[in-house]
Amino acid sequence: QTAAWLTDRIGGRMTNSPQMRQAEAW
């Protein structure tokens, strides 16, 4: 469930991208 949330919901994350910040907060 944790891996699915990070990969399927938030998706790929480049350094300092909004997706990285979202994954960091989650």
PDB file of all heavy atoms in Angstrom:
ATOM      1  N   GLN A   1       0.833  -1.206   0.000  1.00  0.00           N
ATOM      2  CA  GLN A   1       0.000   0.000   0.000  1.00  0.00           C
ATOM      3  C   GLN A   1       0.867   1.256   0.000  1.00  0.00           C
ATOM      4  O   GLN A   1       0.558   2.232  -0.688  1.00  0.00           O
ATOM      5  CB  GLN A   1      -0.929   0.022   1.229  1.00  0.00           C
ATOM      6  CG  GLN A   1      -1.958  -1.067   1.226  1.00  0.00           C
ATOM      7  CD  GLN A   1      -1.476  -2.321   1.955  1.00  0.00           C
ATOM      8  OE1 GLN A   1      -0.290  -2.597   2.053  1.00  0.00           O
ATOM      9  NE2 GLN A   1      -2.423  -3.099   2.442  1.00  0.00           N
ATOM     10  N   THR A   2       1.950   1.220   0.755  1.00  0.00           N
ATOM     11  CA  THR A   2       2.851   2.369   0.807  1.00  0.00           C
ATOM     12  C   THR A   2       3.521   2.593  -0.545  1.00  0.00           C
ATOM     13  O   THR A   2       3.563   3.715  -1.053  1.00  0.00           O
ATOM     14  CB  THR A   2       3.921   2.151   1.899  1.00  0.00           C
ATOM     15  OG1 THR A   2       3.266   1.974   3.157  1.00  0.00           O
ATOM     16  CG2 THR A   2       4.882   3.314   1.980  1.00  0.00           C
ATOM     17  N   ALA A   3       4.022   1.530  -1.140  1.00  0.00           N
ATOM     18  CA  ALA A   3       4.667   1.654  -2.454  1.00  0.00           C
ATOM     19  C   ALA A   3       3.669   2.111  -3.510  1.00  0.00           C
ATOM     20  O   ALA A   3       3.997   2.954  -4.354  1.00  0.00           O
ATOM     21  CB  ALA A   3       5.293   0.321  -2.856  1.00  0.00           C
ATOM     22  N   ALA A   4       2.453   1.578  -3.467  1.00  0.00           N
ATOM     23  CA  ALA A   4       1.435   1.976  -4.442  1.00  0.00           C
ATOM     24  C   ALA A   4       1.096   3.455  -4.306  1.00  0.00           C
ATOM     25  O   ALA A   4       0.943   4.158  -5.309  1.00  0.00           O
ATOM     26  CB  ALA A   4       0.179   1.123  -4.274  1.00  0.00           C
ATOM     27  N   TRP A   5       0.991   3.935  -3.083  1.00  0.00           N
ATOM     28  CA  TRP A   5       0.657   5.351  -2.886  1.00  0.00           C
ATOM     29  C   TRP A   5       1.767   6.236  -3.460  1.00  0.00           C
ATOM     30  O   TRP A   5       1.486   7.196  -4.175  1.00  0.00           O
ATOM     31  CB  TRP A   5       0.457   5.656  -1.401  1.00  0.00           C
ATOM     32  CG  TRP A   5      -0.063   7.042  -1.202  1.00  0.00           C
ATOM     33  CD1 TRP A   5       0.687   8.167  -1.053  1.00  0.00           C
ATOM     34  CD2 TRP A   5      -1.424   7.456  -1.212  1.00  0.00           C
ATOM     35  NE1 TRP A   5      -0.124   9.266  -0.947  1.00  0.00           N
ATOM     36  CE2 TRP A   5      -1.430   8.859  -1.043  1.00  0.00           C
ATOM     37  CE3 TRP A   5      -2.632   6.804  -1.338  1.00  0.00           C
ATOM     38  CZ2 TRP A   5      -2.597   9.591  -0.981  1.00  0.00           C
ATOM     39  CZ3 TRP A   5      -3.793   7.548  -1.276  1.00  0.00           C
ATOM     40  CH2 TRP A   5      -3.774   8.912  -1.115  1.00  0.00           C
ATOM     41  N   LEU A   6       3.002   5.876  -3.159  1.00  0.00           N
ATOM     42  CA  LEU A   6       4.114   6.714  -3.614  1.00  0.00           C
ATOM     43  C   LEU A   6       4.326   6.632  -5.126  1.00  0.00           C
ATOM     44  O   LEU A   6       4.703   7.622  -5.755  1.00  0.00           O
ATOM     45  CB  LEU A   6       5.399   6.320  -2.881  1.00  0.00           C
ATOM     46  CG  LEU A   6       5.465   6.725  -1.411  1.00  0.00           C
ATOM     47  CD1 LEU A   6       6.674   6.094  -0.744  1.00  0.00           C
ATOM     48  CD2 LEU A   6       5.494   8.237  -1.257  1.00  0.00           C
ATOM     49  N   THR A   7       4.093   5.472  -5.723  1.00  0.00           N
ATOM     50  CA  THR A   7       4.366   5.339  -7.153  1.00  0.00           C
ATOM     51  C   THR A   7       3.146   5.618  -8.019  1.00  0.00           C
ATOM     52  O   THR A   7       3.255   6.295  -9.035  1.00  0.00           O
ATOM     53  CB  THR A   7       4.897   3.929  -7.473  1.00  0.00           C
ATOM     54  OG1 THR A   7       3.940   2.960  -7.047  1.00  0.00           O
ATOM     55  CG2 THR A   7       6.224   3.684  -6.786  1.00  0.00           C
ATOM     56  N   ASP A   8       1.993   5.098  -7.627  1.00  0.00           N
ATOM     57  CA  ASP A   8       0.800   5.242  -8.469  1.00  0.00           C
ATOM     58  C   ASP A   8       0.067   6.558  -8.239  1.00  0.00           C
ATOM     59  O   ASP A   8      -0.454   7.156  -9.174  1.00  0.00           O
ATOM     60  CB  ASP A   8      -0.168   4.079  -8.238  1.00  0.00           C
ATOM     61  CG  ASP A   8       0.455   2.738  -8.592  1.00  0.00           C
ATOM     62  OD1 ASP A   8       1.432   2.725  -9.362  1.00  0.00           O
ATOM     63  OD2 ASP A   8      -0.031   1.710  -8.091  1.00  0.00           O
ATOM     64  N   ARG A   9      -0.023   6.997  -7.000  1.00  0.00           N
ATOM     65  CA  ARG A   9      -0.770   8.230  -6.701  1.00  0.00           C
ATOM     66  C   ARG A   9       0.078   9.477  -6.929  1.00  0.00           C
ATOM     67  O   ARG A   9      -0.364  10.423  -7.546  1.00  0.00           O
ATOM     68  CB  ARG A   9      -1.255   8.216  -5.249  1.00  0.00           C
ATOM     69  CG  ARG A   9      -2.158   7.096  -4.903  1.00  0.00           C
ATOM     70  CD  ARG A   9      -3.588   7.473  -5.192  1.00  0.00           C
ATOM     71  NE  ARG A   9      -4.462   6.361  -4.865  1.00  0.00           N
ATOM     72  CZ  ARG A   9      -5.550   6.468  -4.156  1.00  0.00           C
ATOM     73  NH1 ARG A   9      -5.913   7.640  -3.710  1.00  0.00           N
ATOM     74  NH2 ARG A   9      -6.297   5.422  -3.927  1.00  0.00           N
ATOM     75  N   ILE A  10       1.285   9.474  -6.356  1.00  0.00           N
ATOM     76  CA  ILE A  10       2.131  10.661  -6.468  1.00  0.00           C
ATOM     77  C   ILE A  10       2.968  10.612  -7.740  1.00  0.00           C
ATOM     78  O   ILE A  10       3.157  11.615  -8.398  1.00  0.00           O
ATOM     79  CB  ILE A  10       3.022  10.810  -5.211  1.00  0.00           C
ATOM     80  CG1 ILE A  10       2.128  11.025  -3.984  1.00  0.00           C
ATOM     81  CG2 ILE A  10       4.011  11.951  -5.377  1.00  0.00           C
ATOM     82  CD1 ILE A  10       2.850  11.060  -2.665  1.00  0.00           C
ATOM     83  N   GLY A  11       3.436   9.455  -8.107  1.00  0.00           N
ATOM     84  CA  GLY A  11       4.163   9.292  -9.364  1.00  0.00           C
ATOM     85  C   GLY A  11       5.643   9.603  -9.251  1.00  0.00           C
ATOM     86  O   GLY A  11       6.197   9.711  -8.164  1.00  0.00           O
ATOM     87  N   GLY A  12       6.259   9.747 -10.429  1.00  0.00           N
ATOM     88  CA  GLY A  12       7.695  10.011 -10.506  1.00  0.00           C
ATOM     89  C   GLY A  12       8.041  11.345  -9.880  1.00  0.00           C
ATOM     90  O   GLY A  12       7.245  12.283  -9.890  1.00  0.00           O
ATOM     91  N   ARG A  13       9.232  11.413  -9.330  1.00  0.00           N
ATOM     92  CA  ARG A  13       9.638  12.612  -8.610  1.00  0.00           C
ATOM     93  C   ARG A  13      11.050  13.008  -9.006  1.00  0.00           C
ATOM     94  O   ARG A  13      12.006  12.329  -8.694  1.00  0.00           O
ATOM     95  CB  ARG A  13       9.576  12.357  -7.106  1.00  0.00           C
ATOM     96  CG  ARG A  13       8.174  12.056  -6.629  1.00  0.00           C
ATOM     97  CD  ARG A  13       8.161  11.550  -5.214  1.00  0.00           C
ATOM     98  NE  ARG A  13       8.831  10.286  -5.007  1.00  0.00           N
ATOM     99  CZ  ARG A  13       8.330   9.091  -5.307  1.00  0.00           C
ATOM    100  NH1 ARG A  13       7.162   9.003  -5.877  1.00  0.00           N
ATOM    101  NH2 ARG A  13       8.993   7.990  -5.040  1.00  0.00           N
ATOM    102  N   MET A  14      11.172  14.141  -9.660  1.00  0.00           N
ATOM    103  CA  MET A  14      12.490  14.709  -9.914  1.00  0.00           C
ATOM    104  C   MET A  14      12.902  15.513  -8.686  1.00  0.00           C
ATOM    105  O   MET A  14      12.055  15.939  -7.903  1.00  0.00           O
ATOM    106  CB  MET A  14      12.467  15.615 -11.138  1.00  0.00           C
ATOM    107  CG  MET A  14      12.190  14.896 -12.429  1.00  0.00           C
ATOM    108  SD  MET A  14      12.198  16.072 -13.783  1.00  0.00           S
ATOM    109  CE  MET A  14      12.849  15.065 -15.070  1.00  0.00           C
ATOM    110  N   THR A  15      14.173  15.741  -8.537  1.00  0.00           N
ATOM    111  CA  THR A  15      14.680  16.487  -7.395  1.00  0.00           C
ATOM    112  C   THR A  15      14.051  17.866  -7.327  1.00  0.00           C
ATOM    113  O   THR A  15      13.994  18.590  -8.321  1.00  0.00           O
ATOM    114  CB  THR A  15      16.213  16.610  -7.490  1.00  0.00           C
ATOM    115  OG1 THR A  15      16.754  15.303  -7.576  1.00  0.00           O
ATOM    116  CG2 THR A  15      16.781  17.341  -6.286  1.00  0.00           C
ATOM    117  N   ASN A  16      13.567  18.212  -6.139  1.00  0.00           N
ATOM    118  CA  ASN A  16      12.943  19.516  -5.849  1.00  0.00           C
ATOM    119  C   ASN A  16      11.684  19.786  -6.668  1.00  0.00           C
ATOM    120  O   ASN A  16      11.276  20.934  -6.801  1.00  0.00           O
ATOM    121  CB  ASN A  16      13.942  20.656  -6.026  1.00  0.00           C
ATOM    122  CG  ASN A  16      14.878  20.769  -4.856  1.00  0.00           C
ATOM    123  OD1 ASN A  16      14.554  20.326  -3.761  1.00  0.00           O
ATOM    124  ND2 ASN A  16      16.038  21.340  -5.074  1.00  0.00           N
ATOM    125  N   SER A  17      11.056  18.770  -7.192  1.00  0.00           N
ATOM    126  CA  SER A  17       9.811  18.966  -7.941  1.00  0.00           C
ATOM    127  C   SER A  17       8.635  19.021  -6.964  1.00  0.00           C
ATOM    128  O   SER A  17       8.752  18.617  -5.810  1.00  0.00           O
ATOM    129  CB  SER A  17       9.602  17.805  -8.921  1.00  0.00           C
ATOM    130  OG  SER A  17       9.347  16.605  -8.197  1.00  0.00           O
ATOM    131  N   PRO A  18       7.488  19.509  -7.418  1.00  0.00           N
ATOM    132  CA  PRO A  18       6.302  19.492  -6.561  1.00  0.00           C
ATOM    133  C   PRO A  18       5.929  18.070  -6.128  1.00  0.00           C
ATOM    134  O   PRO A  18       5.468  17.863  -5.005  1.00  0.00           O
ATOM    135  CB  PRO A  18       5.217  20.095  -7.457  1.00  0.00           C
ATOM    136  CG  PRO A  18       5.945  20.933  -8.448  1.00  0.00           C
ATOM    137  CD  PRO A  18       7.253  20.226  -8.684  1.00  0.00           C
ATOM    138  N   GLN A  19       6.142  17.094  -7.015  1.00  0.00           N
ATOM    139  CA  GLN A  19       5.846  15.711  -6.657  1.00  0.00           C
ATOM    140  C   GLN A  19       6.763  15.212  -5.536  1.00  0.00           C
ATOM    141  O   GLN A  19       6.340  14.464  -4.666  1.00  0.00           O
ATOM    142  CB  GLN A  19       5.971  14.787  -7.878  1.00  0.00           C
ATOM    143  CG  GLN A  19       4.960  15.051  -8.959  1.00  0.00           C
ATOM    144  CD  GLN A  19       5.390  16.165  -9.922  1.00  0.00           C
ATOM    145  OE1 GLN A  19       6.442  16.766  -9.777  1.00  0.00           O
ATOM    146  NE2 GLN A  19       4.534  16.432 -10.897  1.00  0.00           N
ATOM    147  N   MET A  20       8.014  15.654  -5.557  1.00  0.00           N
ATOM    148  CA  MET A  20       8.934  15.275  -4.491  1.00  0.00           C
ATOM    149  C   MET A  20       8.478  15.876  -3.169  1.00  0.00           C
ATOM    150  O   MET A  20       8.478  15.197  -2.139  1.00  0.00           O
ATOM    151  CB  MET A  20      10.351  15.746  -4.804  1.00  0.00           C
ATOM    152  CG  MET A  20      11.359  15.351  -3.735  1.00  0.00           C
ATOM    153  SD  MET A  20      12.991  16.023  -4.096  1.00  0.00           S
ATOM    154  CE  MET A  20      13.450  16.629  -2.497  1.00  0.00           C
ATOM    155  N   ARG A  21       8.052  17.104  -3.177  1.00  0.00           N
ATOM    156  CA  ARG A  21       7.570  17.760  -1.953  1.00  0.00           C
ATOM    157  C   ARG A  21       6.293  17.081  -1.448  1.00  0.00           C
ATOM    158  O   ARG A  21       6.114  16.906  -0.251  1.00  0.00           O
ATOM    159  CB  ARG A  21       7.320  19.248  -2.193  1.00  0.00           C
ATOM    160  CG  ARG A  21       8.555  20.009  -2.570  1.00  0.00           C
ATOM    161  CD  ARG A  21       9.564  20.019  -1.443  1.00  0.00           C
ATOM    162  NE  ARG A  21      10.788  20.655  -1.903  1.00  0.00           N
ATOM    163  CZ  ARG A  21      11.985  20.263  -1.559  1.00  0.00           C
ATOM    164  NH1 ARG A  21      12.151  19.249  -0.750  1.00  0.00           N
ATOM    165  NH2 ARG A  21      13.045  20.878  -2.010  1.00  0.00           N
ATOM    166  N   GLN A  22       5.418  16.677  -2.374  1.00  0.00           N
ATOM    167  CA  GLN A  22       4.191  15.983  -1.976  1.00  0.00           C
ATOM    168  C   GLN A  22       4.526  14.624  -1.353  1.00  0.00           C
ATOM    169  O   GLN A  22       3.977  14.255  -0.313  1.00  0.00           O
ATOM    170  CB  GLN A  22       3.281  15.799  -3.184  1.00  0.00           C
ATOM    171  CG  GLN A  22       1.960  15.161  -2.864  1.00  0.00           C
ATOM    172  CD  GLN A  22       1.113  14.932  -4.108  1.00  0.00           C
ATOM    173  OE1 GLN A  22       1.546  15.177  -5.239  1.00  0.00           O
ATOM    174  NE2 GLN A  22      -0.093  14.468  -3.903  1.00  0.00           N
ATOM    175  N   ALA A  23       5.446  13.883  -1.962  1.00  0.00           N
ATOM    176  CA  ALA A  23       5.854  12.589  -1.419  1.00  0.00           C
ATOM    177  C   ALA A  23       6.544  12.770  -0.072  1.00  0.00           C
ATOM    178  O   ALA A  23       6.337  11.974   0.858  1.00  0.00           O
ATOM    179  CB  ALA A  23       6.784  11.877  -2.397  1.00  0.00           C
ATOM    180  N   GLU A  24       7.331  13.804   0.067  1.00  0.00           N
ATOM    181  CA  GLU A  24       8.019  14.092   1.326  1.00  0.00           C
ATOM    182  C   GLU A  24       7.008  14.380   2.434  1.00  0.00           C
ATOM    183  O   GLU A  24       7.110  13.835   3.533  1.00  0.00           O
ATOM    184  CB  GLU A  24       8.932  15.293   1.099  1.00  0.00           C
ATOM    185  CG  GLU A  24       9.807  15.688   2.236  1.00  0.00           C
ATOM    186  CD  GLU A  24      10.680  16.859   1.826  1.00  0.00           C
ATOM    187  OE1 GLU A  24      10.195  18.024   1.931  1.00  0.00           O
ATOM    188  OE2 GLU A  24      11.818  16.638   1.395  1.00  0.00           O
ATOM    189  N   ALA A  25       6.024  15.213   2.149  1.00  0.00           N
ATOM    190  CA  ALA A  25       5.000  15.548   3.155  1.00  0.00           C
ATOM    191  C   ALA A  25       4.170  14.311   3.519  1.00  0.00           C
ATOM    192  O   ALA A  25       3.883  14.076   4.699  1.00  0.00           O
ATOM    193  CB  ALA A  25       4.095  16.662   2.625  1.00  0.00           C
ATOM    194  N   TRP A  26       3.790  13.513   2.511  1.00  0.00           N
ATOM    195  CA  TRP A  26       3.010  12.307   2.780  1.00  0.00           C
ATOM    196  C   TRP A  26       3.801  11.328   3.649  1.00  0.00           C
ATOM    197  O   TRP A  26       3.272  10.754   4.603  1.00  0.00           O
ATOM    198  CB  TRP A  26       2.601  11.634   1.472  1.00  0.00           C
ATOM    199  CG  TRP A  26       1.784  10.404   1.701  1.00  0.00           C
ATOM    200  CD1 TRP A  26       0.440  10.349   1.869  1.00  0.00           C
ATOM    201  CD2 TRP A  26       2.268   9.064   1.808  1.00  0.00           C
ATOM    202  NE1 TRP A  26       0.045   9.047   2.081  1.00  0.00           N
ATOM    203  CE2 TRP A  26       1.155   8.240   2.048  1.00  0.00           C
ATOM    204  CE3 TRP A  26       3.521   8.484   1.732  1.00  0.00           C
ATOM    205  CZ2 TRP A  26       1.266   6.861   2.211  1.00  0.00           C
ATOM    206  CZ3 TRP A  26       3.636   7.106   1.895  1.00  0.00           C
ATOM    207  CH2 TRP A  26       2.519   6.314   2.129  1.00  0.00           C
TER     208      TRP A  26
END
